[in-house]
Every structure is written in C-alpha cells, then in structure tokens.
Protein backbone atom coordinates (compact mmCIF):
# COMPACT_ATOMS: atom_id res chain seq x y z
CA MET A 1 15.86 -0.36 7.09
CA ALA A 2 15.17 3.37 6.86
CA ASP A 3 12.05 5.06 5.55
CA LEU A 4 11.83 8.63 4.29
CA SER A 5 8.73 10.60 5.28
CA LEU A 6 8.09 14.18 4.11
CA ASP A 7 5.04 16.45 4.25
CA PHE A 8 4.16 19.33 1.95
CA GLN A 9 1.20 21.63 1.43
CA PHE A 10 -0.06 23.58 -1.54
CA LYS A 11 -2.69 26.25 -2.11
CA SER A 12 -4.03 24.13 -4.99
CA THR A 13 -6.91 21.72 -5.40
CA ILE A 14 -6.31 18.03 -4.80
CA ASN A 15 -7.11 17.32 -8.46
CA LYS A 16 -4.49 19.81 -9.66
CA VAL A 17 -1.83 18.21 -7.45
CA TRP A 18 -2.96 14.73 -8.52
CA ASN A 19 -2.59 15.72 -12.18
CA ALA A 20 0.95 16.98 -11.49
CA LEU A 21 1.80 13.60 -9.94
CA THR A 22 0.27 11.46 -12.67
CA THR A 23 0.56 13.29 -16.01
CA SER A 24 3.79 12.38 -17.80
CA GLU A 25 4.30 15.81 -19.39
CA ILE A 26 3.78 17.62 -16.08
CA LEU A 27 5.99 15.14 -14.18
CA ALA A 28 8.74 15.89 -16.68
CA GLN A 29 8.59 19.56 -15.67
CA TRP A 30 9.39 18.89 -12.01
CA VAL A 31 10.85 15.36 -11.65
CA MET A 32 12.46 13.98 -14.85
CA ASP A 33 11.62 12.90 -18.36
CA ASN A 34 9.42 9.81 -18.14
CA ASN A 35 6.83 7.63 -19.81
CA PHE A 36 4.65 7.32 -16.68
CA LYS A 37 0.99 6.27 -16.82
CA PRO A 38 -1.21 5.95 -13.70
CA ILE A 39 -2.20 2.34 -14.42
CA VAL A 40 -1.56 -0.40 -11.83
CA GLY A 41 1.06 -2.79 -13.20
CA TYR A 42 2.36 -0.29 -15.77
CA LYS A 43 6.16 -0.34 -16.06
CA CYS A 44 7.92 2.90 -16.91
CA GLN A 45 11.15 4.81 -16.56
CA PHE A 46 12.23 8.18 -15.25
CA ARG A 47 15.34 9.44 -17.05
CA ASN A 48 17.89 12.18 -16.45
CA ASP A 49 20.37 12.11 -19.32
CA GLU A 50 22.51 14.89 -17.76
CA ILE A 51 23.58 12.63 -14.90
CA ASP A 52 23.07 9.35 -16.78
CA LEU A 53 20.31 8.19 -14.43
CA ILE A 54 17.52 5.77 -15.25
CA VAL A 55 14.93 4.89 -12.61
CA ASP A 56 12.75 1.87 -13.33
CA SER A 57 9.25 1.98 -11.90
CA GLU A 58 6.15 -0.16 -11.71
CA VAL A 59 2.86 1.40 -10.65
CA LEU A 60 1.52 -0.36 -7.53
CA ILE A 61 -1.48 1.71 -6.34
CA VAL A 62 -3.71 4.26 -8.09
CA ASP A 63 -6.49 5.58 -5.88
CA LYS A 64 -7.40 8.85 -7.61
CA PRO A 65 -6.97 11.50 -6.17
CA TYR A 66 -5.87 10.19 -2.78
CA LYS A 67 -2.99 7.74 -3.17
CA LEU A 68 -0.32 6.84 -5.72
CA SER A 69 2.47 4.32 -5.23
CA TYR A 70 5.22 2.96 -7.47
CA THR A 71 8.60 1.29 -7.26
CA TRP A 72 11.68 3.51 -7.58
CA VAL A 73 14.67 1.42 -8.66
CA GLY A 74 17.87 3.05 -9.88
CA GLY A 75 21.53 2.57 -9.13
CA SER A 76 21.78 1.14 -5.62
CA ILE A 77 18.25 2.25 -4.69
CA ASN A 78 15.38 -0.27 -4.66
CA THR A 79 12.51 1.52 -2.93
CA ILE A 80 8.80 2.26 -3.08
CA VAL A 81 7.47 5.82 -3.40
CA THR A 82 3.98 6.50 -2.05
CA TRP A 83 2.18 9.83 -2.33
CA THR A 84 -0.90 10.43 -0.15
CA LEU A 85 -3.09 13.49 -0.76
CA LYS A 86 -5.72 15.17 1.39
CA GLN A 87 -7.57 18.43 0.78
CA GLU A 88 -8.82 20.68 3.56
CA GLY A 89 -10.39 23.94 2.43
CA ASP A 90 -8.17 25.48 -0.25
CA THR A 91 -5.07 23.58 0.88
CA THR A 92 -3.90 20.20 -0.38
CA TYR A 93 -1.65 18.22 1.94
CA LEU A 94 0.82 15.90 0.25
CA HIS A 95 2.62 13.19 2.19
CA LEU A 96 5.58 11.37 0.62
CA GLU A 97 6.91 8.08 1.91
CA GLN A 98 9.85 6.36 0.29
CA THR A 99 10.42 2.99 1.91
CA GLY A 100 13.11 0.34 1.57
CA PHE A 101 16.37 2.19 2.13
CA GLU A 102 18.97 -0.07 3.75
CA GLU A 103 20.16 2.72 6.06
CA GLU A 104 20.10 6.48 6.56
CA GLY A 105 23.16 6.83 4.34
CA GLN A 106 24.03 8.58 1.11
CA ALA A 107 21.05 7.24 -0.90
CA PHE A 108 18.58 8.13 1.87
CA ASN A 109 19.96 11.65 2.34
CA GLY A 110 20.17 12.16 -1.41
CA ALA A 111 16.51 11.22 -1.77
CA LYS A 112 15.52 13.47 1.15
CA TYR A 113 17.30 16.47 -0.38
CA GLY A 114 16.23 15.55 -3.91
CA TRP A 115 12.50 15.29 -3.14
CA ALA A 116 12.53 18.56 -1.18
CA TYR A 117 14.12 20.26 -4.19
CA LYS A 118 11.75 18.56 -6.64
CA VAL A 119 8.68 19.58 -4.64
CA ASP A 120 9.88 23.20 -4.72
CA GLU A 121 9.85 22.80 -8.50
CA LEU A 122 6.35 21.28 -8.24
CA LYS A 123 5.16 24.41 -6.42
CA LYS A 124 6.34 26.52 -9.37
CA VAL A 125 4.60 24.19 -11.84
CA LEU A 126 1.34 24.29 -9.87
CA ALA A 127 1.46 28.09 -9.81
CA GLU A 128 1.59 28.09 -13.64
CA MET A 129 -1.22 25.54 -14.10
C-alpha cells in the first residue's frame, strides 16, 4: 500500500479554508462539479464531464474546522481523502492524506500531481473570497 501526504499553507483564516473544502459551489471552482455536503454518511459525487470522470464519495469525518475525511472512489482508485487544518497566526496549514493506493504507480502519481494543481487553484479561489 502507498499513502499520499502533502502539506500546504495559506494566508487565510481556518474558517475560510474550511468553507472552501466543504461548500459545494466553492469546491466546484477548484476541484470539480459536485453535490458535496459536509454531513457524516452523506454520499455524493465529484464529476468532470470533460474527461468522463465520476468520483463516488461518502463523508466519513466532519470535525469543523479541523478535519474532513471522505472516500474517493473512481476508475481504479478506491481511497480515502483526509484534510487536516491548523491555524497559527494569520496562516492556515492544510495537510492532505490520501490513503489506500495499491502502489506508487500511475494512480498515485496522478493524484499527487492532481492535488498539487488543484490546491494552486484553491489559492486563487481563496484570494477572491
């Protein structure tokens, strides 16, 4: 098994970052179209029609504004995404763990690149909020 672990930081409040992680309309601006709701047990989908991708998710943990976890199942990927947030001063630290990859292969590397790109988009969204 291989687990992806990435760290990011933002000059934004923890609540602003939390809202960007949990509000469907804001998620759509930096991840994909979705019907996400931060409710444990809620089942939703992330969709990218351009590449014909549907990711099925179920919300596992909602500990506002510190931790959010959900399944991320699409194609050959059956993983769990967990976001952990911590604010120190005017900086919010965001830790991403995506667990359950079979190996550090194409899916793992695609997720690593994909999340880094998506979080760059998140930075732009936060700057506009």
